[in-house]
């Protein structure tokens, strides 16, 4: 089981706080478990890039005839 470090930092200007989730801290971080070769050349920012990557993956991996759609879940 891995636990992602969570920090709270002040949001300038004022006294509101911002929640920061650090996926790269520690040698056993979530990001350290991703093989760099498997994501080489992929831009990891933006919903457009995510959509393009999902469509490319879906096209290169023909679906099981019994499966009609690709489902993506996002957790916040």
PDB file of N, CA and C in Angstrom:
ATOM      1  N   UNK A   1       0.844  -1.166   0.000  1.00  0.00           N
ATOM      2  CA  UNK A   1       0.000   0.000   0.000  1.00  0.00           C
ATOM      3  C   UNK A   1       0.890   1.230   0.000  1.00  0.00           C
ATOM      4  N   UNK A   2       0.530   2.205  -0.824  1.00  0.00           N
ATOM      5  CA  UNK A   2       1.256   3.463  -0.862  1.00  0.00           C
ATOM      6  C   UNK A   2       0.350   4.595  -0.430  1.00  0.00           C
ATOM      7  N   UNK A   3       0.925   5.526   0.274  1.00  0.00           N
ATOM      8  CA  UNK A   3       0.200   6.708   0.706  1.00  0.00           C
ATOM      9  C   UNK A   3       0.872   7.912   0.076  1.00  0.00           C
ATOM     10  N   UNK A   4       0.088   8.745  -0.589  1.00  0.00           N
ATOM     11  CA  UNK A   4       0.615   9.922  -1.248  1.00  0.00           C
ATOM     12  C   UNK A   4       0.732  11.058  -0.235  1.00  0.00           C
ATOM     13  N   UNK A   5       1.917  11.700  -0.133  1.00  0.00           N
ATOM     14  CA  UNK A   5       2.058  12.820   0.793  1.00  0.00           C
ATOM     15  C   UNK A   5       1.141  13.978   0.403  1.00  0.00           C
ATOM     16  N   UNK A   6       0.466  14.525   1.391  1.00  0.00           N
ATOM     17  CA  UNK A   6      -0.445  15.649   1.187  1.00  0.00           C
ATOM     18  C   UNK A   6       0.012  16.783   2.095  1.00  0.00           C
ATOM     19  N   UNK A   7       0.113  17.977   1.528  1.00  0.00           N
ATOM     20  CA  UNK A   7       0.547  19.153   2.284  1.00  0.00           C
ATOM     21  C   UNK A   7      -0.493  20.252   2.114  1.00  0.00           C
ATOM     22  N   UNK A   8      -0.506  21.164   3.052  1.00  0.00           N
ATOM     23  CA  UNK A   8      -1.355  22.346   2.948  1.00  0.00           C
ATOM     24  C   UNK A   8      -0.442  23.555   2.961  1.00  0.00           C
ATOM     25  N   UNK A   9      -0.601  24.425   1.958  1.00  0.00           N
ATOM     26  CA  UNK A   9       0.213  25.638   1.862  1.00  0.00           C
ATOM     27  C   UNK A   9      -0.695  26.854   1.755  1.00  0.00           C
ATOM     28  N   UNK A  10      -0.236  28.008   2.241  1.00  0.00           N
ATOM     29  CA  UNK A  10      -1.061  29.212   2.133  1.00  0.00           C
ATOM     30  C   UNK A  10      -1.186  29.680   0.688  1.00  0.00           C
ATOM     31  N   UNK A  11      -2.363  30.187   0.355  1.00  0.00           N
ATOM     32  CA  UNK A  11      -2.631  30.741  -0.975  1.00  0.00           C
ATOM     33  C   UNK A  11      -2.500  32.257  -0.890  1.00  0.00           C
ATOM     34  N   UNK A  12      -1.479  32.808  -1.528  1.00  0.00           N
ATOM     35  CA  UNK A  12      -1.358  34.265  -1.470  1.00  0.00           C
ATOM     36  C   UNK A  12      -2.367  34.934  -2.388  1.00  0.00           C
ATOM     37  N   UNK A  13      -2.828  36.086  -2.194  1.00  0.00           N
ATOM     38  CA  UNK A  13      -2.696  36.859  -0.959  1.00  0.00           C
ATOM     39  C   UNK A  13      -3.848  36.511  -0.047  1.00  0.00           C
ATOM     40  N   UNK A  14      -3.623  36.365   1.179  1.00  0.00           N
ATOM     41  CA  UNK A  14      -4.701  36.066   2.109  1.00  0.00           C
ATOM     42  C   UNK A  14      -4.392  34.893   2.997  1.00  0.00           C
ATOM     43  N   UNK A  15      -5.428  34.406   3.642  1.00  0.00           N
ATOM     44  CA  UNK A  15      -5.229  33.328   4.605  1.00  0.00           C
ATOM     45  C   UNK A  15      -5.897  32.027   4.182  1.00  0.00           C
ATOM     46  N   UNK A  16      -6.306  31.911   2.917  1.00  0.00           N
ATOM     47  CA  UNK A  16      -6.870  30.644   2.428  1.00  0.00           C
ATOM     48  C   UNK A  16      -5.745  29.639   2.234  1.00  0.00           C
ATOM     49  N   UNK A  17      -6.108  28.363   2.284  1.00  0.00           N
ATOM     50  CA  UNK A  17      -5.114  27.307   2.144  1.00  0.00           C
ATOM     51  C   UNK A  17      -5.346  26.504   0.864  1.00  0.00           C
ATOM     52  N   UNK A  18      -4.274  25.950   0.342  1.00  0.00           N
ATOM     53  CA  UNK A  18      -4.328  25.139  -0.871  1.00  0.00           C
ATOM     54  C   UNK A  18      -3.783  23.749  -0.544  1.00  0.00           C
ATOM     55  N   UNK A  19      -4.496  22.717  -0.956  1.00  0.00           N
ATOM     56  CA  UNK A  19      -4.071  21.344  -0.737  1.00  0.00           C
ATOM     57  C   UNK A  19      -3.125  20.924  -1.865  1.00  0.00           C
ATOM     58  N   UNK A  20      -1.964  20.407  -1.509  1.00  0.00           N
ATOM     59  CA  UNK A  20      -0.964  19.988  -2.484  1.00  0.00           C
ATOM     60  C   UNK A  20      -0.730  18.489  -2.310  1.00  0.00           C
ATOM     61  N   UNK A  21      -0.860  17.737  -3.392  1.00  0.00           N
ATOM     62  CA  UNK A  21      -0.609  16.297  -3.385  1.00  0.00           C
ATOM     63  C   UNK A  21       0.680  16.061  -4.163  1.00  0.00           C
ATOM     64  N   UNK A  22       1.667  15.463  -3.517  1.00  0.00           N
ATOM     65  CA  UNK A  22       2.973  15.273  -4.143  1.00  0.00           C
ATOM     66  C   UNK A  22       3.139  13.815  -4.558  1.00  0.00           C
ATOM     67  N   UNK A  23       3.022  13.552  -5.860  1.00  0.00           N
ATOM     68  CA  UNK A  23       3.115  12.188  -6.384  1.00  0.00           C
ATOM     69  C   UNK A  23       4.557  11.754  -6.646  1.00  0.00           C
ATOM     70  N   UNK A  24       5.537  12.636  -6.376  1.00  0.00           N
ATOM     71  CA  UNK A  24       6.924  12.318  -6.696  1.00  0.00           C
ATOM     72  C   UNK A  24       7.837  12.227  -5.482  1.00  0.00           C
ATOM     73  N   UNK A  25       7.339  12.486  -4.288  1.00  0.00           N
ATOM     74  CA  UNK A  25       8.165  12.454  -3.090  1.00  0.00           C
ATOM     75  C   UNK A  25       8.441  11.021  -2.662  1.00  0.00           C
ATOM     76  N   UNK A  26       9.628  10.769  -2.232  1.00  0.00           N
ATOM     77  CA  UNK A  26      10.110   9.503  -1.669  1.00  0.00           C
ATOM     78  C   UNK A  26      10.470   8.500  -2.760  1.00  0.00           C
ATOM     79  N   UNK A  27      11.318   7.544  -2.418  1.00  0.00           N
ATOM     80  CA  UNK A  27      11.733   6.545  -3.407  1.00  0.00           C
ATOM     81  C   UNK A  27      10.604   5.587  -3.804  1.00  0.00           C
ATOM     82  N   UNK A  28       9.547   5.522  -3.022  1.00  0.00           N
ATOM     83  CA  UNK A  28       8.435   4.627  -3.323  1.00  0.00           C
ATOM     84  C   UNK A  28       7.185   5.412  -3.721  1.00  0.00           C
ATOM     85  N   UNK A  29       7.383   6.545  -4.357  1.00  0.00           N
ATOM     86  CA  UNK A  29       6.256   7.384  -4.758  1.00  0.00           C
ATOM     87  C   UNK A  29       5.468   6.724  -5.885  1.00  0.00           C
ATOM     88  N   UNK A  30       4.254   7.204  -6.080  1.00  0.00           N
ATOM     89  CA  UNK A  30       3.408   6.666  -7.148  1.00  0.00           C
ATOM     90  C   UNK A  30       4.066   6.877  -8.506  1.00  0.00           C
ATOM     91  N   UNK A  31       4.637   8.060  -8.733  1.00  0.00           N
ATOM     92  CA  UNK A  31       5.273   8.321 -10.021  1.00  0.00           C
ATOM     93  C   UNK A  31       6.502   7.451 -10.262  1.00  0.00           C
ATOM     94  N   UNK A  32       7.191   7.044  -9.205  1.00  0.00           N
ATOM     95  CA  UNK A  32       8.389   6.213  -9.389  1.00  0.00           C
ATOM     96  C   UNK A  32       8.036   4.800  -9.849  1.00  0.00           C
ATOM     97  N   UNK A  33       6.766   4.429  -9.760  1.00  0.00           N
ATOM     98  CA  UNK A  33       6.347   3.089 -10.185  1.00  0.00           C
ATOM     99  C   UNK A  33       6.013   3.027 -11.680  1.00  0.00           C
ATOM    100  N   UNK A  34       6.035   4.158 -12.350  1.00  0.00           N
ATOM    101  CA  UNK A  34       5.743   4.203 -13.783  1.00  0.00           C
ATOM    102  C   UNK A  34       7.034   3.992 -14.558  1.00  0.00           C
ATOM    103  N   UNK A  35       7.041   3.025 -15.431  1.00  0.00           N
ATOM    104  CA  UNK A  35       8.207   2.757 -16.260  1.00  0.00           C
ATOM    105  C   UNK A  35       8.377   3.888 -17.268  1.00  0.00           C
ATOM    106  N   UNK A  36       9.493   4.582 -17.217  1.00  0.00           N
ATOM    107  CA  UNK A  36       9.745   5.731 -18.103  1.00  0.00           C
ATOM    108  C   UNK A  36       9.669   5.349 -19.585  1.00  0.00           C
ATOM    109  N   UNK A  37      10.116   4.139 -19.932  1.00  0.00           N
ATOM    110  CA  UNK A  37      10.086   3.706 -21.326  1.00  0.00           C
ATOM    111  C   UNK A  37       8.662   3.544 -21.843  1.00  0.00           C
ATOM    112  N   UNK A  38       7.736   3.175 -20.971  1.00  0.00           N
ATOM    113  CA  UNK A  38       6.365   2.939 -21.419  1.00  0.00           C
ATOM    114  C   UNK A  38       5.604   4.230 -21.703  1.00  0.00           C
ATOM    115  N   UNK A  39       6.121   5.373 -21.225  1.00  0.00           N
ATOM    116  CA  UNK A  39       5.442   6.652 -21.481  1.00  0.00           C
ATOM    117  C   UNK A  39       6.323   7.621 -22.261  1.00  0.00           C
ATOM    118  N   UNK A  40       7.407   7.115 -22.845  1.00  0.00           N
ATOM    119  CA  UNK A  40       8.325   7.966 -23.595  1.00  0.00           C
ATOM    120  C   UNK A  40       7.591   8.668 -24.732  1.00  0.00           C
ATOM    121  N   UNK A  41       7.762   9.979 -24.814  1.00  0.00           N
ATOM    122  CA  UNK A  41       7.155  10.763 -25.884  1.00  0.00           C
ATOM    123  C   UNK A  41       5.737  11.231 -25.603  1.00  0.00           C
ATOM    124  N   UNK A  42       5.177  10.854 -24.470  1.00  0.00           N
ATOM    125  CA  UNK A  42       3.807  11.255 -24.141  1.00  0.00           C
ATOM    126  C   UNK A  42       3.840  12.525 -23.308  1.00  0.00           C
ATOM    127  N   UNK A  43       3.113  13.531 -23.749  1.00  0.00           N
ATOM    128  CA  UNK A  43       2.981  14.755 -22.968  1.00  0.00           C
ATOM    129  C   UNK A  43       1.923  14.484 -21.892  1.00  0.00           C
ATOM    130  N   UNK A  44       2.278  14.685 -20.638  1.00  0.00           N
ATOM    131  CA  UNK A  44       1.414  14.270 -19.541  1.00  0.00           C
ATOM    132  C   UNK A  44       0.487  15.370 -19.033  1.00  0.00           C
ATOM    133  N   UNK A  45       0.397  16.475 -19.728  1.00  0.00           N
ATOM    134  CA  UNK A  45      -0.476  17.561 -19.294  1.00  0.00           C
ATOM    135  C   UNK A  45      -1.578  17.798 -20.308  1.00  0.00           C
ATOM    136  N   UNK A  46      -2.773  18.034 -19.835  1.00  0.00           N
ATOM    137  CA  UNK A  46      -3.856  18.457 -20.702  1.00  0.00           C
ATOM    138  C   UNK A  46      -4.842  17.364 -21.054  1.00  0.00           C
ATOM    139  N   UNK A  47      -6.094  17.728 -21.058  1.00  0.00           N
ATOM    140  CA  UNK A  47      -7.165  16.786 -21.361  1.00  0.00           C
ATOM    141  C   UNK A  47      -7.144  16.387 -22.839  1.00  0.00           C
ATOM    142  N   UNK A  48      -6.718  17.303 -23.724  1.00  0.00           N
ATOM    143  CA  UNK A  48      -6.632  16.987 -25.147  1.00  0.00           C
ATOM    144  C   UNK A  48      -5.622  15.874 -25.392  1.00  0.00           C
ATOM    145  N   UNK A  49      -4.454  15.978 -24.761  1.00  0.00           N
ATOM    146  CA  UNK A  49      -3.425  14.956 -24.905  1.00  0.00           C
ATOM    147  C   UNK A  49      -3.893  13.629 -24.334  1.00  0.00           C
ATOM    148  N   UNK A  50      -4.589  13.673 -23.200  1.00  0.00           N
ATOM    149  CA  UNK A  50      -5.135  12.450 -22.615  1.00  0.00           C
ATOM    150  C   UNK A  50      -6.104  11.781 -23.585  1.00  0.00           C
ATOM    151  N   UNK A  51      -7.002  12.564 -24.167  1.00  0.00           N
ATOM    152  CA  UNK A  51      -7.958  12.016 -25.129  1.00  0.00           C
ATOM    153  C   UNK A  51      -7.270  11.415 -26.336  1.00  0.00           C
ATOM    154  N   UNK A  52      -6.272  12.119 -26.869  1.00  0.00           N
ATOM    155  CA  UNK A  52      -5.513  11.605 -28.021  1.00  0.00           C
ATOM    156  C   UNK A  52      -4.823  10.284 -27.676  1.00  0.00           C
ATOM    157  N   UNK A  53      -4.232  10.212 -26.491  1.00  0.00           N
ATOM    158  CA  UNK A  53      -3.534   8.998 -26.066  1.00  0.00           C
ATOM    159  C   UNK A  53      -4.503   7.832 -25.892  1.00  0.00           C
ATOM    160  N   UNK A  54      -5.667   8.096 -25.332  1.00  0.00           N
ATOM    161  CA  UNK A  54      -6.660   7.036 -25.137  1.00  0.00           C
ATOM    162  C   UNK A  54      -7.154   6.517 -26.484  1.00  0.00           C
ATOM    163  N   UNK A  55      -7.416   7.441 -27.428  1.00  0.00           N
ATOM    164  CA  UNK A  55      -7.868   7.013 -28.754  1.00  0.00           C
ATOM    165  C   UNK A  55      -6.789   6.206 -29.472  1.00  0.00           C
ATOM    166  N   UNK A  56      -5.533   6.623 -29.357  1.00  0.00           N
ATOM    167  CA  UNK A  56      -4.434   5.890 -29.996  1.00  0.00           C
ATOM    168  C   UNK A  56      -4.288   4.497 -29.380  1.00  0.00           C
ATOM    169  N   UNK A  57      -4.385   4.414 -28.046  1.00  0.00           N
ATOM    170  CA  UNK A  57      -4.309   3.111 -27.380  1.00  0.00           C
ATOM    171  C   UNK A  57      -5.461   2.220 -27.815  1.00  0.00           C
ATOM    172  N   UNK A  58      -6.645   2.780 -27.863  1.00  0.00           N
ATOM    173  CA  UNK A  58      -7.836   2.016 -28.226  1.00  0.00           C
ATOM    174  C   UNK A  58      -7.718   1.501 -29.663  1.00  0.00           C
ATOM    175  N   UNK A  59      -7.175   2.326 -30.566  1.00  0.00           N
ATOM    176  CA  UNK A  59      -7.017   1.917 -31.961  1.00  0.00           C
ATOM    177  C   UNK A  59      -5.952   0.826 -32.121  1.00  0.00           C
ATOM    178  N   UNK A  60      -4.899   0.885 -31.299  1.00  0.00           N
ATOM    179  CA  UNK A  60      -3.818  -0.089 -31.436  1.00  0.00           C
ATOM    180  C   UNK A  60      -4.068  -1.388 -30.658  1.00  0.00           C
ATOM    181  N   UNK A  61      -5.101  -1.410 -29.838  1.00  0.00           N
ATOM    182  CA  UNK A  61      -5.466  -2.609 -29.076  1.00  0.00           C
ATOM    183  C   UNK A  61      -6.927  -2.928 -29.360  1.00  0.00           C
ATOM    184  N   UNK A  62      -7.174  -3.687 -30.419  1.00  0.00           N
ATOM    185  CA  UNK A  62      -8.568  -3.986 -30.756  1.00  0.00           C
ATOM    186  C   UNK A  62      -9.315  -4.577 -29.564  1.00  0.00           C
ATOM    187  N   UNK A  63     -10.492  -4.071 -29.368  1.00  0.00           N
ATOM    188  CA  UNK A  63     -11.295  -4.496 -28.214  1.00  0.00           C
ATOM    189  C   UNK A  63     -11.822  -5.907 -28.403  1.00  0.00           C
ATOM    190  N   UNK A  64     -12.100  -6.520 -27.307  1.00  0.00           N
ATOM    191  CA  UNK A  64     -12.775  -7.803 -27.290  1.00  0.00           C
ATOM    192  C   UNK A  64     -14.134  -7.600 -27.960  1.00  0.00           C
ATOM    193  N   UNK A  65     -14.570  -8.480 -28.862  1.00  0.00           N
ATOM    194  CA  UNK A  65     -15.855  -8.290 -29.546  1.00  0.00           C
ATOM    195  C   UNK A  65     -17.034  -8.139 -28.584  1.00  0.00           C
ATOM    196  N   UNK A  66     -16.895  -8.665 -27.384  1.00  0.00           N
ATOM    197  CA  UNK A  66     -17.978  -8.551 -26.414  1.00  0.00           C
ATOM    198  C   UNK A  66     -17.980  -7.197 -25.705  1.00  0.00           C
ATOM    199  N   UNK A  67     -16.878  -6.467 -25.817  1.00  0.00           N
ATOM    200  CA  UNK A  67     -16.768  -5.166 -25.156  1.00  0.00           C
ATOM    201  C   UNK A  67     -17.056  -4.083 -26.190  1.00  0.00           C
ATOM    202  N   UNK A  68     -18.046  -3.261 -25.936  1.00  0.00           N
ATOM    203  CA  UNK A  68     -18.472  -2.257 -26.907  1.00  0.00           C
ATOM    204  C   UNK A  68     -17.835  -0.887 -26.704  1.00  0.00           C
ATOM    205  N   UNK A  69     -17.313  -0.598 -25.498  1.00  0.00           N
ATOM    206  CA  UNK A  69     -16.790   0.741 -25.267  1.00  0.00           C
ATOM    207  C   UNK A  69     -15.591   0.714 -24.342  1.00  0.00           C
ATOM    208  N   UNK A  70     -14.870   1.808 -24.366  1.00  0.00           N
ATOM    209  CA  UNK A  70     -13.738   2.007 -23.485  1.00  0.00           C
ATOM    210  C   UNK A  70     -14.210   2.936 -22.361  1.00  0.00           C
ATOM    211  N   UNK A  71     -13.938   2.551 -21.125  1.00  0.00           N
ATOM    212  CA  UNK A  71     -14.399   3.335 -19.975  1.00  0.00           C
ATOM    213  C   UNK A  71     -13.193   3.921 -19.259  1.00  0.00           C
ATOM    214  N   UNK A  72     -13.256   5.208 -18.942  1.00  0.00           N
ATOM    215  CA  UNK A  72     -12.191   5.887 -18.214  1.00  0.00           C
ATOM    216  C   UNK A  72     -12.780   6.442 -16.921  1.00  0.00           C
ATOM    217  N   UNK A  73     -12.145   6.122 -15.806  1.00  0.00           N
ATOM    218  CA  UNK A  73     -12.571   6.634 -14.506  1.00  0.00           C
ATOM    219  C   UNK A  73     -11.557   7.632 -14.031  1.00  0.00           C
ATOM    220  N   UNK A  74     -12.010   8.719 -13.475  1.00  0.00           N
ATOM    221  CA  UNK A  74     -11.114   9.716 -12.908  1.00  0.00           C
ATOM    222  C   UNK A  74     -11.514   9.980 -11.475  1.00  0.00           C
ATOM    223  N   UNK A  75     -10.544   9.966 -10.610  1.00  0.00           N
ATOM    224  CA  UNK A  75     -10.804  10.240  -9.207  1.00  0.00           C
ATOM    225  C   UNK A  75     -10.224  11.609  -8.867  1.00  0.00           C
ATOM    226  N   UNK A  76     -10.915  12.333  -8.020  1.00  0.00           N
ATOM    227  CA  UNK A  76     -10.422  13.661  -7.639  1.00  0.00           C
ATOM    228  C   UNK A  76      -9.978  13.689  -6.214  1.00  0.00           C
TER     229      UNK A  76
END
